[in-house]
């Protein structure tokens, strides 16, 4: 995976984790997006139910898809990791796609 820096795309931690797993001959336990454990932990810590939450993110699979897997609605923002091909992804469809965070907030508030 990758993320966007001001000078271009950079490798995310996944590639480094794979290298460490190989070097140490152990399997890393991932506890973050898109893991259901991550989203459930956040819900529990905040005392919220999935229908009370909306995930806003630029990564269709990890942010939006991970949230949806837990019953949380997901809005994708067309920034950072977003790619136009995300809008025709074969397995993950955002509940909404917006240009920026302000538009995401407007979408959420319009559905209250």
Protein backbone atom coordinates (compact mmCIF):
# COMPACT_ATOMS: atom_id res chain seq x y z
CA UNK A 1 0.00 0.00 0.00
CA UNK A 2 0.98 3.62 -0.28
CA UNK A 3 0.10 7.11 0.87
CA UNK A 4 0.46 10.52 -0.69
CA UNK A 5 3.25 12.89 0.34
CA UNK A 6 3.80 16.39 -1.03
CA UNK A 7 6.50 15.03 -3.36
CA UNK A 8 4.56 11.94 -4.54
CA UNK A 9 3.52 8.50 -3.33
CA UNK A 10 5.36 6.72 -0.51
CA UNK A 11 5.23 3.16 0.76
CA UNK A 12 2.92 2.57 3.70
CA UNK A 13 4.02 0.36 6.61
CA UNK A 14 2.73 -2.89 5.06
CA UNK A 15 5.85 -3.55 3.01
CA UNK A 16 8.07 -2.98 6.04
CA UNK A 17 5.91 -5.28 8.17
CA UNK A 18 6.24 -8.06 5.57
CA UNK A 19 10.02 -7.63 5.61
CA UNK A 20 10.10 -7.85 9.42
CA UNK A 21 7.85 -10.93 9.38
CA UNK A 22 10.20 -12.61 6.95
CA UNK A 23 13.37 -11.58 8.80
CA UNK A 24 12.02 -12.68 12.19
CA UNK A 25 10.11 -15.71 10.88
CA UNK A 26 6.95 -14.69 12.74
CA UNK A 27 3.50 -13.51 11.67
CA UNK A 28 2.54 -9.98 12.73
CA UNK A 29 -0.84 -9.44 14.32
CA UNK A 30 -2.51 -6.54 12.54
CA UNK A 31 -4.80 -4.38 14.62
CA UNK A 32 -5.91 -1.51 12.48
CA UNK A 33 -8.03 -0.72 9.48
CA UNK A 34 -9.60 -2.73 7.87
CA UNK A 35 -9.70 -5.15 10.82
CA UNK A 36 -13.14 -5.56 12.40
CA UNK A 37 -11.38 -5.57 15.77
CA UNK A 38 -10.20 -2.01 15.12
CA UNK A 39 -13.65 -0.66 14.31
CA UNK A 40 -15.35 -2.62 17.11
CA UNK A 41 -12.79 -1.32 19.61
CA UNK A 42 -13.54 2.27 18.58
CA UNK A 43 -17.30 1.67 18.86
CA UNK A 44 -16.88 0.11 22.31
CA UNK A 45 -14.56 2.87 23.56
CA UNK A 46 -16.99 5.56 22.43
CA UNK A 47 -20.13 3.71 23.55
CA UNK A 48 -21.66 3.90 20.08
CA UNK A 49 -23.55 1.53 17.78
CA UNK A 50 -22.63 1.12 14.09
CA UNK A 51 -25.77 2.96 12.92
CA UNK A 52 -24.64 6.03 14.91
CA UNK A 53 -21.29 6.32 13.12
CA UNK A 54 -20.00 7.29 9.67
CA UNK A 55 -16.44 6.56 8.55
CA UNK A 56 -14.93 9.22 6.28
CA UNK A 57 -11.77 8.22 4.47
CA UNK A 58 -9.76 8.32 1.26
CA UNK A 59 -8.93 4.59 1.18
CA UNK A 60 -11.88 2.69 -0.29
CA UNK A 61 -10.92 -0.79 0.91
CA UNK A 62 -9.36 -0.06 4.32
CA UNK A 63 -11.45 2.92 5.46
CA UNK A 64 -14.81 2.49 3.75
CA UNK A 65 -14.82 -1.28 3.25
CA UNK A 66 -13.51 -2.00 6.74
CA UNK A 67 -16.20 0.18 8.28
CA UNK A 68 -18.97 -1.30 6.15
CA UNK A 69 -17.91 -4.81 7.17
CA UNK A 70 -18.86 -3.77 10.73
CA UNK A 71 -22.18 -2.19 9.75
CA UNK A 72 -20.82 1.37 9.67
CA UNK A 73 -21.62 3.62 6.71
CA UNK A 74 -18.56 4.81 4.77
CA UNK A 75 -18.02 7.96 2.75
CA UNK A 76 -14.99 8.20 0.50
CA UNK A 77 -13.24 11.53 -0.02
CA UNK A 78 -11.59 12.20 -3.40
CA UNK A 79 -8.23 13.08 -1.83
CA UNK A 80 -5.05 11.22 -0.86
CA UNK A 81 -5.36 7.52 -1.75
CA UNK A 82 -8.54 8.01 -3.80
CA UNK A 83 -8.38 6.84 -7.40
CA UNK A 84 -11.18 7.29 -10.00
CA UNK A 85 -11.27 3.49 -10.40
CA UNK A 86 -12.47 3.26 -6.77
CA UNK A 87 -15.93 4.30 -7.96
CA UNK A 88 -16.23 1.04 -9.95
CA UNK A 89 -14.48 -1.25 -7.45
CA UNK A 90 -15.75 -4.84 -7.79
CA UNK A 91 -16.35 -5.50 -4.08
CA UNK A 92 -16.58 -2.20 -2.17
CA UNK A 93 -19.04 0.60 -2.92
CA UNK A 94 -18.93 3.73 -0.78
CA UNK A 95 -22.20 4.98 0.72
CA UNK A 96 -21.20 8.35 -0.71
CA UNK A 97 -18.26 9.93 -2.52
CA UNK A 98 -17.37 13.59 -2.00
CA UNK A 99 -14.61 16.00 -2.96
CA UNK A 100 -13.57 17.06 0.54
CA UNK A 101 -14.23 16.72 4.26
CA UNK A 102 -16.61 19.70 4.33
CA UNK A 103 -18.82 18.00 1.73
CA UNK A 104 -18.78 14.79 3.77
CA UNK A 105 -20.01 16.70 6.81
CA UNK A 106 -22.76 18.30 4.70
CA UNK A 107 -23.87 14.86 3.48
CA UNK A 108 -24.00 13.53 7.04
CA UNK A 109 -25.92 16.54 8.36
CA UNK A 110 -28.42 16.38 5.49
CA UNK A 111 -29.35 12.82 6.54
CA UNK A 112 -29.99 13.56 10.22
